[in-house]
Structure formats: C-alpha cells, structure tokens
C-alpha cells in the first residue's frame, strides 16, 4: 500500500508552489495599477476641495492632467476628465481604463472617480 502513495505529496507541493508563483506574479502586475489609481483619486479629491474652497477653478484641469502624466495614466483629455460647476458644488469626474496582460488572462482595470465639493 505504501508504494501507491509515493510521490503524491511531491505533486501536491509542486501544484501549490505553481499556484503561489502565479498569484505572486499576478499581484505584482495588478497591485501597482490599483495603487496608482488610488493615488490619482486622492489627488483629484484634494484638487476639488482646494479649488472649491479657494475659488481657483482655472488650474484644476491642468493640475489633474499633470498628475495623470506623472503617474503614466492613459486618460483621454477630452472624454476622460469632466469638470462641472453648479451653483452649490464643484464636480469632477475622471475615467480611464488599463489592460494588464497576465499571459493567460487580460485583467481590465476600469477607474472612475466622481469627486464633489461644496462651493462657499
């Protein structure tokens, strides 16, 4: 009976190790893209609040686009960034899409930030 069980532990270990390596590779490809998205969203939030509080609407678009360039974000300058000013608030919407090739699967990260700040 012992002869039939030989090698089963090694095969399980190899499969688990292969899955672990695949998970680490996928994480190394996807995590930086998501962190960049969070960083960009934080920048948009700060700029919206600053512009609404100080009334400096003119520089917000360029500041956001500059940050997108700095982070290598593929945002469409006309369709990917929308800035609206109503009577009571400033609204900024930013969208972009990044495809991450994981060799056997293409992960698509769809980013959308919708930030609002009251006008004083």
PDB file of N, CA and C in Angstrom:
ATOM      1  N   UNK A   1       0.817  -1.193   0.000  1.00  0.00           N
ATOM      2  CA  UNK A   1       0.000   0.000   0.000  1.00  0.00           C
ATOM      3  C   UNK A   1       0.862   1.259   0.000  1.00  0.00           C
ATOM      4  N   UNK A   2       2.012   1.241   0.610  1.00  0.00           N
ATOM      5  CA  UNK A   2       2.875   2.409   0.647  1.00  0.00           C
ATOM      6  C   UNK A   2       3.412   2.751  -0.738  1.00  0.00           C
ATOM      7  N   UNK A   3       3.597   1.799  -1.584  1.00  0.00           N
ATOM      8  CA  UNK A   3       4.148   2.067  -2.912  1.00  0.00           C
ATOM      9  C   UNK A   3       3.194   2.911  -3.762  1.00  0.00           C
ATOM     10  N   UNK A   4       1.896   2.774  -3.597  1.00  0.00           N
ATOM     11  CA  UNK A   4       0.928   3.549  -4.379  1.00  0.00           C
ATOM     12  C   UNK A   4       0.886   5.014  -3.946  1.00  0.00           C
ATOM     13  N   UNK A   5       1.264   5.303  -2.720  1.00  0.00           N
ATOM     14  CA  UNK A   5       1.177   6.659  -2.192  1.00  0.00           C
ATOM     15  C   UNK A   5       2.452   7.457  -2.413  1.00  0.00           C
ATOM     16  N   UNK A   6       3.475   6.861  -2.888  1.00  0.00           N
ATOM     17  CA  UNK A   6       4.742   7.558  -3.099  1.00  0.00           C
ATOM     18  C   UNK A   6       4.607   8.652  -4.138  1.00  0.00           C
ATOM     19  N   UNK A   7       5.109   9.846  -3.835  1.00  0.00           N
ATOM     20  CA  UNK A   7       5.109  10.937  -4.805  1.00  0.00           C
ATOM     21  C   UNK A   7       3.890  11.819  -4.758  1.00  0.00           C
ATOM     22  N   UNK A   8       2.838  11.396  -4.085  1.00  0.00           N
ATOM     23  CA  UNK A   8       1.627  12.229  -4.041  1.00  0.00           C
ATOM     24  C   UNK A   8       1.874  13.542  -3.306  1.00  0.00           C
ATOM     25  N   UNK A   9       2.663  13.517  -2.278  1.00  0.00           N
ATOM     26  CA  UNK A   9       2.987  14.736  -1.544  1.00  0.00           C
ATOM     27  C   UNK A   9       3.808  15.687  -2.390  1.00  0.00           C
ATOM     28  N   UNK A  10       4.707  15.159  -3.188  1.00  0.00           N
ATOM     29  CA  UNK A  10       5.544  15.991  -4.051  1.00  0.00           C
ATOM     30  C   UNK A  10       4.707  16.675  -5.130  1.00  0.00           C
ATOM     31  N   UNK A  11       3.766  15.943  -5.708  1.00  0.00           N
ATOM     32  CA  UNK A  11       2.912  16.512  -6.750  1.00  0.00           C
ATOM     33  C   UNK A  11       2.045  17.634  -6.189  1.00  0.00           C
ATOM     34  N   UNK A  12       1.477  17.410  -5.014  1.00  0.00           N
ATOM     35  CA  UNK A  12       0.658  18.441  -4.367  1.00  0.00           C
ATOM     36  C   UNK A  12       1.476  19.681  -4.054  1.00  0.00           C
ATOM     37  N   UNK A  13       2.715  19.477  -3.591  1.00  0.00           N
ATOM     38  CA  UNK A  13       3.594  20.595  -3.292  1.00  0.00           C
ATOM     39  C   UNK A  13       3.931  21.379  -4.561  1.00  0.00           C
ATOM     40  N   UNK A  14       4.198  20.680  -5.643  1.00  0.00           N
ATOM     41  CA  UNK A  14       4.535  21.346  -6.911  1.00  0.00           C
ATOM     42  C   UNK A  14       3.346  22.163  -7.417  1.00  0.00           C
ATOM     43  N   UNK A  15       2.159  21.611  -7.328  1.00  0.00           N
ATOM     44  CA  UNK A  15       0.954  22.335  -7.766  1.00  0.00           C
ATOM     45  C   UNK A  15       0.727  23.568  -6.886  1.00  0.00           C
ATOM     46  N   UNK A  16       0.861  23.405  -5.568  1.00  0.00           N
ATOM     47  CA  UNK A  16       0.680  24.538  -4.657  1.00  0.00           C
ATOM     48  C   UNK A  16       1.734  25.610  -4.920  1.00  0.00           C
ATOM     49  N   UNK A  17       2.959  25.198  -5.164  1.00  0.00           N
ATOM     50  CA  UNK A  17       4.031  26.149  -5.450  1.00  0.00           C
ATOM     51  C   UNK A  17       3.773  26.892  -6.761  1.00  0.00           C
ATOM     52  N   UNK A  18       3.283  26.177  -7.783  1.00  0.00           N
ATOM     53  CA  UNK A  18       2.961  26.817  -9.063  1.00  0.00           C
ATOM     54  C   UNK A  18       1.841  27.841  -8.896  1.00  0.00           C
ATOM     55  N   UNK A  19       0.824  27.503  -8.113  1.00  0.00           N
ATOM     56  CA  UNK A  19      -0.276  28.436  -7.857  1.00  0.00           C
ATOM     57  C   UNK A  19       0.210  29.659  -7.078  1.00  0.00           C
ATOM     58  N   UNK A  20       1.079  29.436  -6.125  1.00  0.00           N
ATOM     59  CA  UNK A  20       1.642  30.542  -5.356  1.00  0.00           C
ATOM     60  C   UNK A  20       2.451  31.481  -6.250  1.00  0.00           C
ATOM     61  N   UNK A  21       3.259  30.927  -7.120  1.00  0.00           N
ATOM     62  CA  UNK A  21       4.054  31.737  -8.043  1.00  0.00           C
ATOM     63  C   UNK A  21       3.153  32.524  -8.988  1.00  0.00           C
ATOM     64  N   UNK A  22       2.089  31.886  -9.483  1.00  0.00           N
ATOM     65  CA  UNK A  22       1.139  32.589 -10.365  1.00  0.00           C
ATOM     66  C   UNK A  22       0.453  33.734  -9.616  1.00  0.00           C
ATOM     67  N   UNK A  23       0.086  33.496  -8.366  1.00  0.00           N
ATOM     68  CA  UNK A  23      -0.550  34.539  -7.562  1.00  0.00           C
ATOM     69  C   UNK A  23       0.380  35.715  -7.299  1.00  0.00           C
ATOM     70  N   UNK A  24       1.639  35.418  -7.018  1.00  0.00           N
ATOM     71  CA  UNK A  24       2.621  36.482  -6.790  1.00  0.00           C
ATOM     72  C   UNK A  24       2.837  37.280  -8.070  1.00  0.00           C
ATOM     73  N   UNK A  25       2.926  36.594  -9.201  1.00  0.00           N
ATOM     74  CA  UNK A  25       3.115  37.290 -10.487  1.00  0.00           C
ATOM     75  C   UNK A  25       1.919  38.196 -10.796  1.00  0.00           C
ATOM     76  N   UNK A  26       0.704  37.662 -10.622  1.00  0.00           N
ATOM     77  CA  UNK A  26      -0.498  38.464 -10.899  1.00  0.00           C
ATOM     78  C   UNK A  26      -0.560  39.670  -9.966  1.00  0.00           C
ATOM     79  N   UNK A  27      -0.237  39.459  -8.697  1.00  0.00           N
ATOM     80  CA  UNK A  27      -0.240  40.563  -7.748  1.00  0.00           C
ATOM     81  C   UNK A  27       0.778  41.633  -8.112  1.00  0.00           C
ATOM     82  N   UNK A  28       1.947  41.200  -8.552  1.00  0.00           N
ATOM     83  CA  UNK A  28       2.999  42.148  -8.927  1.00  0.00           C
ATOM     84  C   UNK A  28       2.609  42.969 -10.147  1.00  0.00           C
ATOM     85  N   UNK A  29       1.734  42.454 -10.977  1.00  0.00           N
ATOM     86  CA  UNK A  29       1.286  43.179 -12.161  1.00  0.00           C
ATOM     87  C   UNK A  29       0.083  44.077 -11.868  1.00  0.00           C
ATOM     88  N   UNK A  30      -0.837  43.615 -11.028  1.00  0.00           N
ATOM     89  CA  UNK A  30      -2.103  44.314 -10.793  1.00  0.00           C
ATOM     90  C   UNK A  30      -2.010  45.347  -9.663  1.00  0.00           C
ATOM     91  N   UNK A  31      -1.325  45.024  -8.602  1.00  0.00           N
ATOM     92  CA  UNK A  31      -1.283  45.915  -7.438  1.00  0.00           C
ATOM     93  C   UNK A  31      -0.742  47.306  -7.775  1.00  0.00           C
ATOM     94  N   UNK A  32       0.354  47.445  -8.529  1.00  0.00           N
ATOM     95  CA  UNK A  32       0.815  48.805  -8.865  1.00  0.00           C
ATOM     96  C   UNK A  32      -0.217  49.623  -9.650  1.00  0.00           C
ATOM     97  N   UNK A  33      -0.976  48.975 -10.511  1.00  0.00           N
ATOM     98  CA  UNK A  33      -2.006  49.675 -11.288  1.00  0.00           C
ATOM     99  C   UNK A  33      -3.091  50.203 -10.350  1.00  0.00           C
ATOM    100  N   UNK A  34      -3.488  49.396  -9.395  1.00  0.00           N
ATOM    101  CA  UNK A  34      -4.526  49.812  -8.449  1.00  0.00           C
ATOM    102  C   UNK A  34      -4.016  50.903  -7.504  1.00  0.00           C
ATOM    103  N   UNK A  35      -2.773  50.800  -7.056  1.00  0.00           N
ATOM    104  CA  UNK A  35      -2.198  51.825  -6.183  1.00  0.00           C
ATOM    105  C   UNK A  35      -2.124  53.161  -6.916  1.00  0.00           C
ATOM    106  N   UNK A  36      -1.745  53.125  -8.181  1.00  0.00           N
ATOM    107  CA  UNK A  36      -1.706  54.345  -8.986  1.00  0.00           C
ATOM    108  C   UNK A  36      -3.098  54.961  -9.088  1.00  0.00           C
ATOM    109  N   UNK A  37      -4.116  54.124  -9.251  1.00  0.00           N
ATOM    110  CA  UNK A  37      -5.492  54.615  -9.293  1.00  0.00           C
ATOM    111  C   UNK A  37      -5.906  55.290  -7.997  1.00  0.00           C
ATOM    112  N   UNK A  38      -5.546  54.692  -6.865  1.00  0.00           N
ATOM    113  CA  UNK A  38      -5.870  55.297  -5.569  1.00  0.00           C
ATOM    114  C   UNK A  38      -5.140  56.624  -5.382  1.00  0.00           C
ATOM    115  N   UNK A  39      -3.892  56.672  -5.794  1.00  0.00           N
ATOM    116  CA  UNK A  39      -3.108  57.903  -5.687  1.00  0.00           C
ATOM    117  C   UNK A  39      -3.729  59.013  -6.542  1.00  0.00           C
ATOM    118  N   UNK A  40      -4.149  58.653  -7.744  1.00  0.00           N
ATOM    119  CA  UNK A  40      -4.780  59.613  -8.643  1.00  0.00           C
ATOM    120  C   UNK A  40      -6.101  60.115  -8.059  1.00  0.00           C
ATOM    121  N   UNK A  41      -6.877  59.214  -7.489  1.00  0.00           N
ATOM    122  CA  UNK A  41      -8.154  59.598  -6.892  1.00  0.00           C
ATOM    123  C   UNK A  41      -7.927  60.552  -5.710  1.00  0.00           C
ATOM    124  N   UNK A  42      -6.924  60.282  -4.897  1.00  0.00           N
ATOM    125  CA  UNK A  42      -6.608  61.184  -3.788  1.00  0.00           C
ATOM    126  C   UNK A  42      -6.233  62.575  -4.292  1.00  0.00           C
ATOM    127  N   UNK A  43      -5.457  62.615  -5.366  1.00  0.00           N
ATOM    128  CA  UNK A  43      -5.066  63.909  -5.933  1.00  0.00           C
ATOM    129  C   UNK A  43      -6.295  64.665  -6.440  1.00  0.00           C
ATOM    130  N   UNK A  44      -7.178  63.973  -7.110  1.00  0.00           N
ATOM    131  CA  UNK A  44      -8.404  64.619  -7.612  1.00  0.00           C
ATOM    132  C   UNK A  44      -9.214  65.164  -6.440  1.00  0.00           C
ATOM    133  N   UNK A  45      -9.370  64.378  -5.384  1.00  0.00           N
ATOM    134  CA  UNK A  45     -10.134  64.809  -4.210  1.00  0.00           C
ATOM    135  C   UNK A  45      -9.527  66.081  -3.606  1.00  0.00           C
ATOM    136  N   UNK A  46      -8.211  66.101  -3.458  1.00  0.00           N
ATOM    137  CA  UNK A  46      -7.540  67.278  -2.903  1.00  0.00           C
ATOM    138  C   UNK A  46      -7.721  68.508  -3.792  1.00  0.00           C
ATOM    139  N   UNK A  47      -7.577  68.319  -5.089  1.00  0.00           N
ATOM    140  CA  UNK A  47      -7.712  69.446  -6.014  1.00  0.00           C
ATOM    141  C   UNK A  47      -9.132  69.994  -6.040  1.00  0.00           C
ATOM    142  N   UNK A  48     -10.120  69.116  -5.981  1.00  0.00           N
ATOM    143  CA  UNK A  48     -11.523  69.563  -5.978  1.00  0.00           C
ATOM    144  C   UNK A  48     -11.805  70.372  -4.719  1.00  0.00           C
ATOM    145  N   UNK A  49     -11.364  69.878  -3.594  1.00  0.00           N
ATOM    146  CA  UNK A  49     -11.597  70.597  -2.336  1.00  0.00           C
ATOM    147  C   UNK A  49     -10.868  71.937  -2.319  1.00  0.00           C
ATOM    148  N   UNK A  50      -9.632  71.948  -2.790  1.00  0.00           N
ATOM    149  CA  UNK A  50      -8.851  73.187  -2.816  1.00  0.00           C
ATOM    150  C   UNK A  50      -9.492  74.207  -3.759  1.00  0.00           C
ATOM    151  N   UNK A  51      -9.881  73.761  -4.933  1.00  0.00           N
ATOM    152  CA  UNK A  51     -10.476  74.672  -5.921  1.00  0.00           C
ATOM    153  C   UNK A  51     -11.815  75.221  -5.421  1.00  0.00           C
ATOM    154  N   UNK A  52     -12.615  74.374  -4.792  1.00  0.00           N
ATOM    155  CA  UNK A  52     -13.917  74.822  -4.290  1.00  0.00           C
ATOM    156  C   UNK A  52     -13.750  75.794  -3.128  1.00  0.00           C
ATOM    157  N   UNK A  53     -12.796  75.550  -2.266  1.00  0.00           N
ATOM    158  CA  UNK A  53     -12.608  76.404  -1.096  1.00  0.00           C
ATOM    159  C   UNK A  53     -11.988  77.751  -1.457  1.00  0.00           C
ATOM    160  N   UNK A  54     -11.065  77.758  -2.418  1.00  0.00           N
ATOM    161  CA  UNK A  54     -10.357  78.987  -2.758  1.00  0.00           C
ATOM    162  C   UNK A  54     -10.871  79.648  -4.031  1.00  0.00           C
ATOM    163  N   UNK A  55     -11.804  79.021  -4.707  1.00  0.00           N
ATOM    164  CA  UNK A  55     -12.382  79.602  -5.913  1.00  0.00           C
ATOM    165  C   UNK A  55     -11.452  79.626  -7.112  1.00  0.00           C
ATOM    166  N   UNK A  56     -10.453  78.776  -7.134  1.00  0.00           N
ATOM    167  CA  UNK A  56      -9.493  78.742  -8.237  1.00  0.00           C
ATOM    168  C   UNK A  56      -9.831  77.585  -9.178  1.00  0.00           C
ATOM    169  N   UNK A  57     -10.811  77.809 -10.030  1.00  0.00           N
ATOM    170  CA  UNK A  57     -11.274  76.768 -10.941  1.00  0.00           C
ATOM    171  C   UNK A  57     -10.380  76.612 -12.173  1.00  0.00           C
ATOM    172  N   UNK A  58      -9.654  77.638 -12.524  1.00  0.00           N
ATOM    173  CA  UNK A  58      -8.897  77.640 -13.769  1.00  0.00           C
ATOM    174  C   UNK A  58      -7.770  76.635 -13.839  1.00  0.00           C
ATOM    175  N   UNK A  59      -7.153  76.325 -12.719  1.00  0.00           N
ATOM    176  CA  UNK A  59      -5.975  75.469 -12.733  1.00  0.00           C
ATOM    177  C   UNK A  59      -6.267  74.006 -12.418  1.00  0.00           C
ATOM    178  N   UNK A  60      -7.494  73.686 -12.074  1.00  0.00           N
ATOM    179  CA  UNK A  60      -7.803  72.325 -11.639  1.00  0.00           C
ATOM    180  C   UNK A  60      -7.620  71.294 -12.765  1.00  0.00           C
ATOM    181  N   UNK A  61      -8.091  71.618 -13.960  1.00  0.00           N
ATOM    182  CA  UNK A  61      -7.963  70.686 -15.087  1.00  0.00           C
ATOM    183  C   UNK A  61      -6.489  70.378 -15.367  1.00  0.00           C
ATOM    184  N   UNK A  62      -5.671  71.421 -15.451  1.00  0.00           N
ATOM    185  CA  UNK A  62      -4.262  71.207 -15.770  1.00  0.00           C
ATOM    186  C   UNK A  62      -3.542  70.452 -14.661  1.00  0.00           C
ATOM    187  N   UNK A  63      -3.892  70.726 -13.426  1.00  0.00           N
ATOM    188  CA  UNK A  63      -3.273  70.026 -12.301  1.00  0.00           C
ATOM    189  C   UNK A  63      -3.582  68.527 -12.342  1.00  0.00           C
ATOM    190  N   UNK A  64      -4.830  68.191 -12.637  1.00  0.00           N
ATOM    191  CA  UNK A  64      -5.229  66.781 -12.708  1.00  0.00           C
ATOM    192  C   UNK A  64      -4.555  66.102 -13.892  1.00  0.00           C
ATOM    193  N   UNK A  65      -4.513  66.774 -15.033  1.00  0.00           N
ATOM    194  CA  UNK A  65      -3.857  66.187 -16.210  1.00  0.00           C
ATOM    195  C   UNK A  65      -2.347  66.040 -15.998  1.00  0.00           C
ATOM    196  N   UNK A  66      -1.742  66.984 -15.299  1.00  0.00           N
ATOM    197  CA  UNK A  66      -0.315  66.871 -14.990  1.00  0.00           C
ATOM    198  C   UNK A  66      -0.045  65.659 -14.102  1.00  0.00           C
ATOM    199  N   UNK A  67      -0.911  65.440 -13.110  1.00  0.00           N
ATOM    200  CA  UNK A  67      -0.749  64.284 -12.219  1.00  0.00           C
ATOM    201  C   UNK A  67      -0.944  62.986 -13.002  1.00  0.00           C
ATOM    202  N   UNK A  68      -1.890  62.979 -13.936  1.00  0.00           N
ATOM    203  CA  UNK A  68      -2.097  61.794 -14.774  1.00  0.00           C
ATOM    204  C   UNK A  68      -0.846  61.492 -15.596  1.00  0.00           C
ATOM    205  N   UNK A  69      -0.226  62.536 -16.151  1.00  0.00           N
ATOM    206  CA  UNK A  69       1.017  62.339 -16.905  1.00  0.00           C
ATOM    207  C   UNK A  69       2.127  61.828 -16.004  1.00  0.00           C
ATOM    208  N   UNK A  70       2.227  62.385 -14.808  1.00  0.00           N
ATOM    209  CA  UNK A  70       3.260  61.976 -13.851  1.00  0.00           C
ATOM    210  C   UNK A  70       3.121  60.493 -13.481  1.00  0.00           C
ATOM    211  N   UNK A  71       1.875  60.032 -13.332  1.00  0.00           N
ATOM    212  CA  UNK A  71       1.615  58.643 -12.951  1.00  0.00           C
ATOM    213  C   UNK A  71       1.495  57.709 -14.156  1.00  0.00           C
ATOM    214  N   UNK A  72       1.675  58.251 -15.361  1.00  0.00           N
ATOM    215  CA  UNK A  72       1.561  57.483 -16.618  1.00  0.00           C
ATOM    216  C   UNK A  72       0.171  56.864 -16.768  1.00  0.00           C
ATOM    217  N   UNK A  73      -0.838  57.685 -16.499  1.00  0.00           N
ATOM    218  CA  UNK A  73      -2.230  57.249 -16.603  1.00  0.00           C
ATOM    219  C   UNK A  73      -2.757  57.632 -17.980  1.00  0.00           C
ATOM    220  N   UNK A  74      -3.333  56.668 -18.696  1.00  0.00           N
ATOM    221  CA  UNK A  74      -3.824  56.929 -20.055  1.00  0.00           C
ATOM    222  C   UNK A  74      -5.222  57.545 -20.073  1.00  0.00           C
ATOM    223  N   UNK A  75      -5.338  58.761 -19.596  1.00  0.00           N
ATOM    224  CA  UNK A  75      -6.649  59.409 -19.545  1.00  0.00           C
ATOM    225  C   UNK A  75      -6.844  60.243 -20.809  1.00  0.00           C
ATOM    226  N   UNK A  76      -8.022  60.132 -21.397  1.00  0.00           N
ATOM    227  CA  UNK A  76      -8.373  60.930 -22.566  1.00  0.00           C
ATOM    228  C   UNK A  76      -8.656  62.351 -22.085  1.00  0.00           C
ATOM    229  N   UNK A  77      -7.932  63.307 -22.606  1.00  0.00           N
ATOM    230  CA  UNK A  77      -8.029  64.688 -22.109  1.00  0.00           C
ATOM    231  C   UNK A  77      -9.382  65.328 -22.359  1.00  0.00           C
ATOM    232  N   UNK A  78     -10.125  64.835 -23.335  1.00  0.00           N
ATOM    233  CA  UNK A  78     -11.438  65.414 -23.632  1.00  0.00           C
ATOM    234  C   UNK A  78     -12.575  64.591 -23.028  1.00  0.00           C
ATOM    235  N   UNK A  79     -12.509  63.262 -23.184  1.00  0.00           N
ATOM    236  CA  UNK A  79     -13.598  62.413 -22.708  1.00  0.00           C
ATOM    237  C   UNK A  79     -13.358  61.864 -21.305  1.00  0.00           C
ATOM    238  N   UNK A  80     -12.101  61.765 -20.882  1.00  0.00           N
ATOM    239  CA  UNK A  80     -11.776  61.126 -19.614  1.00  0.00           C
ATOM    240  C   UNK A  80     -11.860  62.026 -18.400  1.00  0.00           C
ATOM    241  N   UNK A  81     -11.943  63.326 -18.616  1.00  0.00           N
ATOM    242  CA  UNK A  81     -11.982  64.269 -17.490  1.00  0.00           C
ATOM    243  C   UNK A  81     -13.074  65.295 -17.726  1.00  0.00           C
ATOM    244  N   UNK A  82     -14.014  65.347 -16.802  1.00  0.00           N
ATOM    245  CA  UNK A  82     -15.136  66.284 -16.917  1.00  0.00           C
ATOM    246  C   UNK A  82     -15.217  67.111 -15.633  1.00  0.00           C
ATOM    247  N   UNK A  83     -15.291  68.413 -15.790  1.00  0.00           N
ATOM    248  CA  UNK A  83     -15.380  69.319 -14.646  1.00  0.00           C
ATOM    249  C   UNK A  83     -16.643  70.161 -14.806  1.00  0.00           C
ATOM    250  N   UNK A  84     -17.501  70.115 -13.780  1.00  0.00           N
ATOM    251  CA  UNK A  84     -18.746  70.881 -13.794  1.00  0.00           C
ATOM    252  C   UNK A  84     -18.816  71.752 -12.554  1.00  0.00           C
ATOM    253  N   UNK A  85     -19.316  72.945 -12.760  1.00  0.00           N
ATOM    254  CA  UNK A  85     -19.545  73.848 -11.634  1.00  0.00           C
ATOM    255  C   UNK A  85     -21.024  74.204 -11.621  1.00  0.00           C
ATOM    256  N   UNK A  86     -21.697  73.860 -10.547  1.00  0.00           N
ATOM    257  CA  UNK A  86     -23.097  74.234 -10.381  1.00  0.00           C
ATOM    258  C   UNK A  86     -23.146  75.404  -9.399  1.00  0.00           C
ATOM    259  N   UNK A  87     -24.343  75.817  -9.033  1.00  0.00           N
ATOM    260  CA  UNK A  87     -24.480  76.921  -8.078  1.00  0.00           C
ATOM    261  C   UNK A  87     -23.940  76.545  -6.702  1.00  0.00           C
ATOM    262  N   UNK A  88     -24.032  75.269  -6.365  1.00  0.00           N
ATOM    263  CA  UNK A  88     -23.672  74.876  -4.999  1.00  0.00           C
ATOM    264  C   UNK A  88     -22.446  73.971  -4.871  1.00  0.00           C
ATOM    265  N   UNK A  89     -21.973  73.379  -5.981  1.00  0.00           N
ATOM    266  CA  UNK A  89     -20.844  72.474  -5.843  1.00  0.00           C
ATOM    267  C   UNK A  89     -19.987  72.374  -7.105  1.00  0.00           C
ATOM    268  N   UNK A  90     -18.796  71.861  -6.904  1.00  0.00           N
ATOM    269  CA  UNK A  90     -17.863  71.578  -7.990  1.00  0.00           C
ATOM    270  C   UNK A  90     -17.796  70.065  -8.128  1.00  0.00           C
ATOM    271  N   UNK A  91     -17.969  69.570  -9.347  1.00  0.00           N
ATOM    272  CA  UNK A  91     -17.991  68.130  -9.597  1.00  0.00           C
ATOM    273  C   UNK A  91     -16.917  67.797 -10.623  1.00  0.00           C
ATOM    274  N   UNK A  92     -16.058  66.850 -10.283  1.00  0.00           N
ATOM    275  CA  UNK A  92     -15.026  66.382 -11.206  1.00  0.00           C
ATOM    276  C   UNK A  92     -15.195  64.883 -11.376  1.00  0.00           C
ATOM    277  N   UNK A  93     -15.284  64.459 -12.627  1.00  0.00           N
ATOM    278  CA  UNK A  93     -15.384  63.042 -12.948  1.00  0.00           C
ATOM    279  C   UNK A  93     -14.217  62.677 -13.852  1.00  0.00           C
ATOM    280  N   UNK A  94     -13.488  61.644 -13.463  1.00  0.00           N
ATOM    281  CA  UNK A  94     -12.356  61.168 -14.257  1.00  0.00           C
ATOM    282  C   UNK A  94     -12.523  59.680 -14.492  1.00  0.00           C
ATOM    283  N   UNK A  95     -12.228  59.251 -15.726  1.00  0.00           N
ATOM    284  CA  UNK A  95     -12.336  57.840 -16.084  1.00  0.00           C
ATOM    285  C   UNK A  95     -11.181  57.446 -16.982  1.00  0.00           C
ATOM    286  N   UNK A  96     -10.690  56.233 -16.770  1.00  0.00           N
ATOM    287  CA  UNK A  96      -9.724  55.644 -17.688  1.00  0.00           C
ATOM    288  C   UNK A  96      -9.747  54.140 -17.529  1.00  0.00           C
ATOM    289  N   UNK A  97      -9.061  53.479 -18.427  1.00  0.00           N
ATOM    290  CA  UNK A  97      -9.052  52.009 -18.456  1.00  0.00           C
ATOM    291  C   UNK A  97      -7.628  51.539 -18.722  1.00  0.00           C
ATOM    292  N   UNK A  98      -7.190  50.549 -17.972  1.00  0.00           N
ATOM    293  CA  UNK A  98      -5.859  49.970 -18.158  1.00  0.00           C
ATOM    294  C   UNK A  98      -6.015  48.462 -18.291  1.00  0.00           C
ATOM    295  N   UNK A  99      -5.404  47.915 -19.328  1.00  0.00           N
ATOM    296  CA  UNK A  99      -5.396  46.470 -19.509  1.00  0.00           C
ATOM    297  C   UNK A  99      -4.044  45.929 -19.070  1.00  0.00           C
ATOM    298  N   UNK A 100      -4.083  44.931 -18.180  1.00  0.00           N
ATOM    299  CA  UNK A 100      -2.866  44.313 -17.664  1.00  0.00           C
ATOM    300  C   UNK A 100      -2.797  42.891 -18.217  1.00  0.00           C
ATOM    301  N   UNK A 101      -1.755  42.610 -18.990  1.00  0.00           N
ATOM    302  CA  UNK A 101      -1.577  41.288 -19.585  1.00  0.00           C
ATOM    303  C   UNK A 101      -0.949  40.347 -18.570  1.00  0.00           C
ATOM    304  N   UNK A 102      -1.692  39.319 -18.170  1.00  0.00           N
ATOM    305  CA  UNK A 102      -1.198  38.334 -17.214  1.00  0.00           C
ATOM    306  C   UNK A 102      -0.807  37.027 -17.902  1.00  0.00           C
ATOM    307  N   UNK A 103      -0.501  37.095 -19.169  1.00  0.00           N
ATOM    308  CA  UNK A 103      -0.073  35.978 -20.021  1.00  0.00           C
ATOM    309  C   UNK A 103      -1.222  35.031 -20.383  1.00  0.00           C
ATOM    310  N   UNK A 104      -2.026  34.601 -19.430  1.00  0.00           N
ATOM    311  CA  UNK A 104      -3.142  33.713 -19.739  1.00  0.00           C
ATOM    312  C   UNK A 104      -4.485  34.421 -19.606  1.00  0.00           C
ATOM    313  N   UNK A 105      -4.459  35.630 -19.107  1.00  0.00           N
ATOM    314  CA  UNK A 105      -5.682  36.402 -18.882  1.00  0.00           C
ATOM    315  C   UNK A 105      -5.327  37.879 -18.946  1.00  0.00           C
ATOM    316  N   UNK A 106      -6.236  38.674 -19.484  1.00  0.00           N
ATOM    317  CA  UNK A 106      -6.038  40.119 -19.508  1.00  0.00           C
ATOM    318  C   UNK A 106      -6.968  40.750 -18.478  1.00  0.00           C
ATOM    319  N   UNK A 107      -6.361  41.312 -17.441  1.00  0.00           N
ATOM    320  CA  UNK A 107      -7.113  41.991 -16.386  1.00  0.00           C
ATOM    321  C   UNK A 107      -7.379  43.416 -16.836  1.00  0.00           C
ATOM    322  N   UNK A 108      -8.626  43.838 -16.778  1.00  0.00           N
ATOM    323  CA  UNK A 108      -9.001  45.190 -17.174  1.00  0.00           C
ATOM    324  C   UNK A 108      -9.375  45.972 -15.914  1.00  0.00           C
ATOM    325  N   UNK A 109      -8.613  47.031 -15.659  1.00  0.00           N
ATOM    326  CA  UNK A 109      -8.873  47.898 -14.515  1.00  0.00           C
ATOM    327  C   UNK A 109      -9.605  49.129 -15.021  1.00  0.00           C
ATOM    328  N   UNK A 110     -10.872  49.241 -14.642  1.00  0.00           N
ATOM    329  CA  UNK A 110     -11.690  50.397 -15.009  1.00  0.00           C
ATOM    330  C   UNK A 110     -11.721  51.356 -13.832  1.00  0.00           C
ATOM    331  N   UNK A 111     -11.166  52.534 -14.034  1.00  0.00           N
ATOM    332  CA  UNK A 111     -11.088  53.546 -12.989  1.00  0.00           C
ATOM    333  C   UNK A 111     -12.147  54.597 -13.219  1.00  0.00           C
ATOM    334  N   UNK A 112     -12.840  54.960 -12.153  1.00  0.00           N
ATOM    335  CA  UNK A 112     -13.781  56.074 -12.233  1.00  0.00           C
ATOM    336  C   UNK A 112     -13.778  56.779 -10.886  1.00  0.00           C
ATOM    337  N   UNK A 113     -13.518  58.073 -10.926  1.00  0.00           N
ATOM    338  CA  UNK A 113     -13.585  58.900  -9.719  1.00  0.00           C
ATOM    339  C   UNK A 113     -14.615  59.973  -9.949  1.00  0.00           C
ATOM    340  N   UNK A 114     -15.494  60.129  -9.001  1.00  0.00           N
ATOM    341  CA  UNK A 114     -16.525  61.163  -9.052  1.00  0.00           C
ATOM    342  C   UNK A 114     -16.419  61.935  -7.745  1.00  0.00           C
ATOM    343  N   UNK A 115     -15.733  63.048  -7.778  1.00  0.00           N
ATOM    344  CA  UNK A 115     -15.494  63.838  -6.566  1.00  0.00           C
ATOM    345  C   UNK A 115     -16.317  65.118  -6.608  1.00  0.00           C
ATOM    346  N   UNK A 116     -16.885  65.452  -5.454  1.00  0.00           N
ATOM    347  CA  UNK A 116     -17.710  66.643  -5.326  1.00  0.00           C
ATOM    348  C   UNK A 116     -17.269  67.447  -4.106  1.00  0.00           C
ATOM    349  N   UNK A 117     -17.368  68.755  -4.230  1.00  0.00           N
ATOM    350  CA  UNK A 117     -17.055  69.634  -3.105  1.00  0.00           C
ATOM    351  C   UNK A 117     -18.011  70.818  -3.135  1.00  0.00           C
ATOM    352  N   UNK A 118     -18.524  71.203  -1.980  1.00  0.00           N
ATOM    353  CA  UNK A 118     -19.429  72.352  -1.926  1.00  0.00           C
ATOM    354  C   UNK A 118     -18.669  73.662  -2.182  1.00  0.00           C
ATOM    355  N   UNK A 119     -19.345  74.567  -2.863  1.00  0.00           N
ATOM    356  CA  UNK A 119     -18.767  75.896  -3.106  1.00  0.00           C
ATOM    357  C   UNK A 119     -19.164  76.829  -1.974  1.00  0.00           C
ATOM    358  N   UNK A 120     -18.241  77.654  -1.563  1.00  0.00           N
ATOM    359  CA  UNK A 120     -18.511  78.586  -0.455  1.00  0.00           C
ATOM    360  C   UNK A 120     -18.677  79.986  -0.969  1.00  0.00           C
TER     361      UNK A 120
END
